[in-house]
Amino acid sequence: MNFDSISLFDLASKRLDYLAERQQVISENIANADTPGFRAQDVAPFEELLDHTTSQVSLETTHTGHKTGGGTYETVAVTNDDRAWEQSINGNTVVLEQQTIKAAEIEDGYQLAADLYRKAHQLLTLATTGRK
């Protein structure tokens, strides 16, 4: 059975792909925490990407900072994070505490999406076979 045809599985899969891409951006921020002039980056909110994919609008790379996603949407817009807490003397806007909080949020979101996917699979199995 193709689970992608069921919207719940499709949504959970898109969310997992989005979170993986966001984690990569946060990891790059942390790796460049001491790079002079480096600007902290983040990706567009998931809801914005979801709006684009449900309305059949294809996302395009319009800026060199955009990254191609490995999931069901074409690109994830990576932009400078305007909500950075501070800027160091050398122009770097990466605050490790802020990036750690974002990484924890990503972990929570990943766990939620994975649990949703697992529970939906269990429910579908129960409905079709009568067994857990």
N, C-alpha and C. Protein backbone atom coordinates (compact mmCIF):
# COMPACT_ATOMS: atom_id res chain seq x y z
N MET A 1 0.84 -1.18 0.00
CA MET A 1 0.00 0.00 0.00
C MET A 1 0.88 1.24 0.00
N ASN A 2 0.54 2.22 -0.78
CA ASN A 2 1.28 3.47 -0.85
C ASN A 2 0.74 4.43 0.20
N PHE A 3 1.52 4.65 1.27
CA PHE A 3 1.07 5.51 2.36
C PHE A 3 1.07 6.98 1.97
N ASP A 4 1.76 7.35 0.90
CA ASP A 4 1.79 8.75 0.48
C ASP A 4 0.42 9.23 0.02
N SER A 5 -0.45 8.31 -0.39
CA SER A 5 -1.77 8.73 -0.84
C SER A 5 -2.68 9.13 0.33
N ILE A 6 -2.30 8.76 1.54
CA ILE A 6 -3.05 9.13 2.73
C ILE A 6 -2.45 10.43 3.26
N SER A 7 -3.26 11.47 3.37
CA SER A 7 -2.73 12.80 3.69
C SER A 7 -2.00 12.86 5.03
N LEU A 8 -2.40 12.09 6.01
CA LEU A 8 -1.73 12.09 7.30
C LEU A 8 -0.28 11.64 7.16
N PHE A 9 -0.06 10.59 6.38
CA PHE A 9 1.30 10.10 6.16
C PHE A 9 2.10 11.11 5.34
N ASP A 10 1.47 11.73 4.37
CA ASP A 10 2.14 12.72 3.54
C ASP A 10 2.56 13.92 4.38
N LEU A 11 1.68 14.39 5.24
CA LEU A 11 1.98 15.54 6.09
C LEU A 11 3.12 15.22 7.05
N ALA A 12 3.08 14.06 7.68
CA ALA A 12 4.13 13.68 8.62
C ALA A 12 5.47 13.54 7.90
N SER A 13 5.45 13.00 6.70
CA SER A 13 6.66 12.85 5.91
C SER A 13 7.25 14.20 5.53
N LYS A 14 6.39 15.13 5.11
CA LYS A 14 6.86 16.48 4.77
C LYS A 14 7.46 17.16 6.00
N ARG A 15 6.83 16.98 7.13
CA ARG A 15 7.33 17.60 8.36
C ARG A 15 8.70 17.04 8.74
N LEU A 16 8.88 15.73 8.61
CA LEU A 16 10.17 15.11 8.91
C LEU A 16 11.26 15.62 7.97
N ASP A 17 10.94 15.76 6.69
CA ASP A 17 11.90 16.30 5.72
C ASP A 17 12.27 17.74 6.07
N TYR A 18 11.28 18.53 6.42
CA TYR A 18 11.51 19.92 6.79
C TYR A 18 12.40 20.01 8.02
N LEU A 19 12.12 19.21 9.03
CA LEU A 19 12.91 19.25 10.26
C LEU A 19 14.35 18.82 10.02
N ALA A 20 14.55 17.85 9.13
CA ALA A 20 15.91 17.43 8.80
C ALA A 20 16.68 18.56 8.13
N GLU A 21 16.04 19.27 7.24
CA GLU A 21 16.68 20.41 6.57
C GLU A 21 16.98 21.53 7.56
N ARG A 22 16.06 21.79 8.47
CA ARG A 22 16.27 22.84 9.46
C ARG A 22 17.42 22.47 10.41
N GLN A 23 17.50 21.19 10.77
CA GLN A 23 18.59 20.75 11.64
C GLN A 23 19.94 20.95 10.95
N GLN A 24 19.99 20.73 9.65
CA GLN A 24 21.23 20.94 8.92
C GLN A 24 21.65 22.41 8.97
N VAL A 25 20.70 23.32 8.81
CA VAL A 25 20.99 24.75 8.86
C VAL A 25 21.48 25.15 10.25
N ILE A 26 20.84 24.64 11.28
CA ILE A 26 21.26 24.95 12.65
C ILE A 26 22.66 24.40 12.91
N SER A 27 22.95 23.21 12.39
CA SER A 27 24.28 22.63 12.54
C SER A 27 25.34 23.49 11.87
N GLU A 28 25.01 24.03 10.70
CA GLU A 28 25.95 24.93 10.00
C GLU A 28 26.16 26.21 10.81
N ASN A 29 25.11 26.71 11.43
CA ASN A 29 25.25 27.88 12.30
C ASN A 29 26.24 27.61 13.42
N ILE A 30 26.06 26.48 14.09
CA ILE A 30 26.93 26.12 15.21
C ILE A 30 28.37 25.93 14.75
N ALA A 31 28.54 25.31 13.59
CA ALA A 31 29.89 25.10 13.05
C ALA A 31 30.59 26.42 12.74
N ASN A 32 29.82 27.45 12.43
CA ASN A 32 30.39 28.76 12.08
C ASN A 32 30.26 29.78 13.20
N ALA A 33 30.12 29.31 14.43
CA ALA A 33 29.92 30.21 15.57
C ALA A 33 31.09 31.17 15.79
N ASP A 34 32.28 30.80 15.35
CA ASP A 34 33.46 31.66 15.54
C ASP A 34 33.93 32.29 14.24
N THR A 35 33.18 32.13 13.16
CA THR A 35 33.58 32.70 11.87
C THR A 35 33.23 34.18 11.84
N PRO A 36 34.21 35.05 11.65
CA PRO A 36 33.92 36.49 11.62
C PRO A 36 32.94 36.84 10.50
N GLY A 37 31.95 37.65 10.84
CA GLY A 37 30.99 38.12 9.86
C GLY A 37 29.90 37.13 9.49
N PHE A 38 29.92 35.92 10.04
CA PHE A 38 28.90 34.93 9.70
C PHE A 38 27.56 35.34 10.30
N ARG A 39 26.52 35.28 9.50
CA ARG A 39 25.17 35.61 9.95
C ARG A 39 24.40 34.32 10.22
N ALA A 40 23.79 34.22 11.39
CA ALA A 40 22.96 33.05 11.72
C ALA A 40 21.84 32.93 10.70
N GLN A 41 21.50 31.70 10.33
CA GLN A 41 20.46 31.46 9.34
C GLN A 41 19.39 30.56 9.92
N ASP A 42 18.24 30.61 9.27
CA ASP A 42 17.13 29.72 9.63
C ASP A 42 16.29 29.52 8.37
N VAL A 43 15.38 28.57 8.42
CA VAL A 43 14.53 28.29 7.27
C VAL A 43 13.16 28.91 7.48
N ALA A 44 12.43 29.02 6.38
CA ALA A 44 11.06 29.54 6.45
C ALA A 44 10.21 28.62 7.32
N PRO A 45 9.18 29.14 7.97
CA PRO A 45 8.32 28.30 8.80
C PRO A 45 7.67 27.18 7.97
N PHE A 46 7.42 26.05 8.62
CA PHE A 46 6.82 24.89 7.95
C PHE A 46 5.47 25.23 7.34
N GLU A 47 4.70 26.05 8.04
CA GLU A 47 3.37 26.41 7.55
C GLU A 47 3.45 27.11 6.19
N GLU A 48 4.48 27.94 6.02
CA GLU A 48 4.66 28.64 4.75
C GLU A 48 4.95 27.65 3.63
N LEU A 49 5.80 26.68 3.91
CA LEU A 49 6.10 25.65 2.90
C LEU A 49 4.88 24.80 2.61
N LEU A 50 4.11 24.50 3.63
CA LEU A 50 2.92 23.70 3.47
C LEU A 50 1.88 24.43 2.63
N ASP A 51 1.74 25.72 2.84
CA ASP A 51 0.83 26.53 2.03
C ASP A 51 1.21 26.48 0.56
N HIS A 52 2.50 26.54 0.28
CA HIS A 52 2.97 26.50 -1.10
C HIS A 52 2.73 25.14 -1.75
N THR A 53 2.95 24.06 -1.01
CA THR A 53 2.81 22.73 -1.60
C THR A 53 1.35 22.35 -1.77
N THR A 54 0.47 22.82 -0.90
CA THR A 54 -0.94 22.47 -1.05
C THR A 54 -1.63 23.30 -2.12
N SER A 55 -1.10 24.48 -2.41
CA SER A 55 -1.72 25.31 -3.44
C SER A 55 -1.11 25.06 -4.81
N GLN A 56 -0.28 24.03 -4.92
CA GLN A 56 0.35 23.64 -6.18
C GLN A 56 1.26 24.71 -6.74
N VAL A 57 1.80 25.57 -5.90
CA VAL A 57 2.77 26.56 -6.34
C VAL A 57 4.15 25.95 -6.15
N SER A 58 4.94 25.94 -7.19
CA SER A 58 6.27 25.37 -7.05
C SER A 58 7.21 26.43 -6.50
N LEU A 59 8.02 26.05 -5.55
CA LEU A 59 8.98 26.97 -4.96
C LEU A 59 10.20 27.01 -5.86
N GLU A 60 10.77 28.17 -6.02
CA GLU A 60 11.94 28.32 -6.87
C GLU A 60 13.09 28.90 -6.08
N THR A 61 14.29 28.59 -6.52
CA THR A 61 15.47 29.18 -5.91
C THR A 61 15.63 30.59 -6.45
N THR A 62 15.36 31.57 -5.62
CA THR A 62 15.43 32.96 -6.06
C THR A 62 16.60 33.68 -5.43
N HIS A 63 17.31 33.00 -4.57
CA HIS A 63 18.43 33.60 -3.86
C HIS A 63 19.49 32.53 -3.68
N THR A 64 20.74 32.91 -3.68
CA THR A 64 21.81 31.93 -3.53
C THR A 64 21.77 31.25 -2.17
N GLY A 65 21.09 31.84 -1.20
CA GLY A 65 20.99 31.24 0.12
C GLY A 65 19.94 30.15 0.22
N HIS A 66 19.20 29.92 -0.85
CA HIS A 66 18.19 28.87 -0.84
C HIS A 66 18.86 27.52 -1.03
N LYS A 67 18.35 26.54 -0.33
CA LYS A 67 18.89 25.19 -0.44
C LYS A 67 17.83 24.28 -1.02
N THR A 68 18.27 23.30 -1.75
CA THR A 68 17.32 22.34 -2.28
C THR A 68 17.02 21.33 -1.20
N GLY A 69 15.76 21.06 -0.99
CA GLY A 69 15.35 20.10 0.02
C GLY A 69 15.33 18.70 -0.55
N GLY A 70 15.45 17.72 0.30
CA GLY A 70 15.43 16.35 -0.17
C GLY A 70 14.05 15.75 -0.09
N GLY A 71 13.05 16.54 0.26
CA GLY A 71 11.73 16.00 0.50
C GLY A 71 10.76 16.23 -0.62
N THR A 72 9.51 16.40 -0.25
CA THR A 72 8.44 16.50 -1.22
C THR A 72 8.28 17.92 -1.77
N TYR A 73 8.88 18.89 -1.15
CA TYR A 73 8.86 20.24 -1.70
C TYR A 73 10.18 20.48 -2.41
N GLU A 74 10.21 21.42 -3.31
CA GLU A 74 11.40 21.59 -4.13
C GLU A 74 12.55 22.29 -3.41
N THR A 75 12.28 23.38 -2.72
CA THR A 75 13.36 24.10 -2.04
C THR A 75 12.91 24.58 -0.68
N VAL A 76 13.88 24.77 0.17
CA VAL A 76 13.63 25.35 1.48
C VAL A 76 14.36 26.68 1.49
N ALA A 77 13.64 27.76 1.74
CA ALA A 77 14.25 29.08 1.75
C ALA A 77 15.05 29.26 3.03
N VAL A 78 16.36 29.43 2.87
CA VAL A 78 17.24 29.68 3.99
C VAL A 78 17.60 31.15 3.95
N THR A 79 17.29 31.85 5.04
CA THR A 79 17.55 33.28 5.10
C THR A 79 18.31 33.62 6.37
N ASN A 80 18.86 34.82 6.41
CA ASN A 80 19.50 35.28 7.63
C ASN A 80 18.45 35.36 8.73
N ASP A 81 18.83 34.94 9.91
CA ASP A 81 17.92 34.95 11.05
C ASP A 81 17.90 36.33 11.68
N ASP A 82 16.84 37.07 11.44
CA ASP A 82 16.71 38.42 11.97
C ASP A 82 16.41 38.43 13.47
N ARG A 83 16.11 37.26 14.02
CA ARG A 83 15.77 37.17 15.45
C ARG A 83 16.97 36.77 16.30
N ALA A 84 18.18 36.88 15.74
CA ALA A 84 19.38 36.54 16.51
C ALA A 84 19.45 37.44 17.74
N TRP A 85 19.85 36.88 18.84
CA TRP A 85 19.84 37.60 20.10
C TRP A 85 20.85 38.73 20.16
N GLU A 86 22.00 38.51 19.55
CA GLU A 86 23.06 39.52 19.65
C GLU A 86 24.05 39.37 18.51
N GLN A 87 24.92 40.33 18.40
CA GLN A 87 25.98 40.28 17.40
C GLN A 87 27.30 40.51 18.12
N SER A 88 28.29 39.68 17.83
CA SER A 88 29.58 39.84 18.48
C SER A 88 30.37 40.97 17.82
N ILE A 89 31.49 41.29 18.38
CA ILE A 89 32.33 42.38 17.88
C ILE A 89 32.77 42.11 16.43
N ASN A 90 32.99 40.83 16.09
CA ASN A 90 33.46 40.50 14.74
C ASN A 90 32.32 40.35 13.73
N GLY A 91 31.09 40.68 14.13
CA GLY A 91 29.95 40.66 13.21
C GLY A 91 29.21 39.34 13.15
N ASN A 92 29.61 38.37 13.93
CA ASN A 92 28.94 37.06 13.95
C ASN A 92 27.67 37.15 14.78
N THR A 93 26.55 36.61 14.24
CA THR A 93 25.28 36.68 14.97
C THR A 93 24.84 35.33 15.54
N VAL A 94 25.72 34.34 15.54
CA VAL A 94 25.37 33.02 16.08
C VAL A 94 25.53 33.05 17.60
N VAL A 95 24.44 32.76 18.30
CA VAL A 95 24.46 32.63 19.75
C VAL A 95 24.20 31.15 20.04
N LEU A 96 25.19 30.48 20.62
CA LEU A 96 25.08 29.03 20.81
C LEU A 96 23.88 28.63 21.65
N GLU A 97 23.54 29.42 22.64
CA GLU A 97 22.38 29.10 23.47
C GLU A 97 21.10 29.12 22.63
N GLN A 98 20.97 30.10 21.77
CA GLN A 98 19.79 30.21 20.91
C GLN A 98 19.74 29.04 19.93
N GLN A 99 20.87 28.65 19.39
CA GLN A 99 20.91 27.52 18.45
C GLN A 99 20.59 26.20 19.16
N THR A 100 21.01 26.09 20.42
CA THR A 100 20.70 24.89 21.20
C THR A 100 19.20 24.79 21.46
N ILE A 101 18.56 25.91 21.74
CA ILE A 101 17.11 25.92 21.95
C ILE A 101 16.40 25.50 20.67
N LYS A 102 16.85 26.03 19.53
CA LYS A 102 16.25 25.66 18.25
C LYS A 102 16.44 24.17 17.97
N ALA A 103 17.62 23.63 18.29
CA ALA A 103 17.87 22.21 18.08
C ALA A 103 16.95 21.35 18.94
N ALA A 104 16.69 21.80 20.17
CA ALA A 104 15.75 21.08 21.04
C ALA A 104 14.33 21.14 20.50
N GLU A 105 13.94 22.29 19.94
CA GLU A 105 12.61 22.41 19.32
C GLU A 105 12.49 21.46 18.12
N ILE A 106 13.55 21.35 17.36
CA ILE A 106 13.56 20.44 16.21
C ILE A 106 13.42 19.00 16.67
N GLU A 107 14.13 18.66 17.74
CA GLU A 107 14.04 17.30 18.28
C GLU A 107 12.62 16.99 18.73
N ASP A 108 11.98 17.93 19.42
CA ASP A 108 10.60 17.74 19.86
C ASP A 108 9.66 17.58 18.66
N GLY A 109 9.84 18.41 17.67
CA GLY A 109 9.01 18.32 16.47
C GLY A 109 9.21 17.02 15.72
N TYR A 110 10.45 16.57 15.66
CA TYR A 110 10.74 15.30 15.00
C TYR A 110 10.08 14.14 15.75
N GLN A 111 10.18 14.16 17.07
CA GLN A 111 9.57 13.10 17.87
C GLN A 111 8.05 13.08 17.70
N LEU A 112 7.44 14.26 17.67
CA LEU A 112 6.00 14.35 17.48
C LEU A 112 5.58 13.80 16.12
N ALA A 113 6.28 14.20 15.07
CA ALA A 113 5.95 13.74 13.72
C ALA A 113 6.17 12.23 13.59
N ALA A 114 7.24 11.71 14.18
CA ALA A 114 7.51 10.28 14.13
C ALA A 114 6.45 9.49 14.90
N ASP A 115 6.04 10.01 16.05
CA ASP A 115 4.98 9.36 16.82
C ASP A 115 3.65 9.38 16.07
N LEU A 116 3.34 10.49 15.43
CA LEU A 116 2.13 10.59 14.63
C LEU A 116 2.13 9.57 13.50
N TYR A 117 3.26 9.46 12.83
CA TYR A 117 3.40 8.51 11.72
C TYR A 117 3.21 7.08 12.24
N ARG A 118 3.87 6.78 13.38
CA ARG A 118 3.80 5.43 13.95
C ARG A 118 2.38 5.09 14.40
N LYS A 119 1.72 6.04 15.07
CA LYS A 119 0.35 5.78 15.55
C LYS A 119 -0.63 5.63 14.39
N ALA A 120 -0.46 6.43 13.36
CA ALA A 120 -1.33 6.31 12.19
C ALA A 120 -1.14 4.95 11.52
N HIS A 121 0.09 4.47 11.48
CA HIS A 121 0.36 3.15 10.91
C HIS A 121 -0.28 2.06 11.76
N GLN A 122 -0.18 2.19 13.09
CA GLN A 122 -0.81 1.22 13.97
C GLN A 122 -2.32 1.22 13.80
N LEU A 123 -2.91 2.40 13.69
CA LEU A 123 -4.35 2.52 13.50
C LEU A 123 -4.78 1.89 12.18
N LEU A 124 -4.03 2.13 11.13
CA LEU A 124 -4.34 1.55 9.83
C LEU A 124 -4.20 0.04 9.86
N THR A 125 -3.17 -0.45 10.53
CA THR A 125 -2.97 -1.90 10.68
C THR A 125 -4.12 -2.52 11.44
N LEU A 126 -4.52 -1.89 12.53
CA LEU A 126 -5.63 -2.39 13.33
C LEU A 126 -6.93 -2.41 12.53
N ALA A 127 -7.15 -1.37 11.74
CA ALA A 127 -8.39 -1.29 10.95
C ALA A 127 -8.44 -2.35 9.84
N THR A 128 -7.29 -2.67 9.28
CA THR A 128 -7.27 -3.62 8.16
C THR A 128 -7.15 -5.07 8.58
N THR A 129 -6.40 -5.33 9.67
CA THR A 129 -6.17 -6.71 10.08
C THR A 129 -6.88 -7.10 11.36
N GLY A 130 -7.25 -6.13 12.17
CA GLY A 130 -7.88 -6.42 13.45
C GLY A 130 -6.87 -6.76 14.52
N ARG A 131 -5.55 -6.69 14.18
CA ARG A 131 -4.48 -6.99 15.15
C ARG A 131 -3.58 -5.79 15.29
N LYS A 132 -2.96 -5.68 16.45
CA LYS A 132 -2.01 -4.58 16.68
C LYS A 132 -0.72 -4.80 16.01
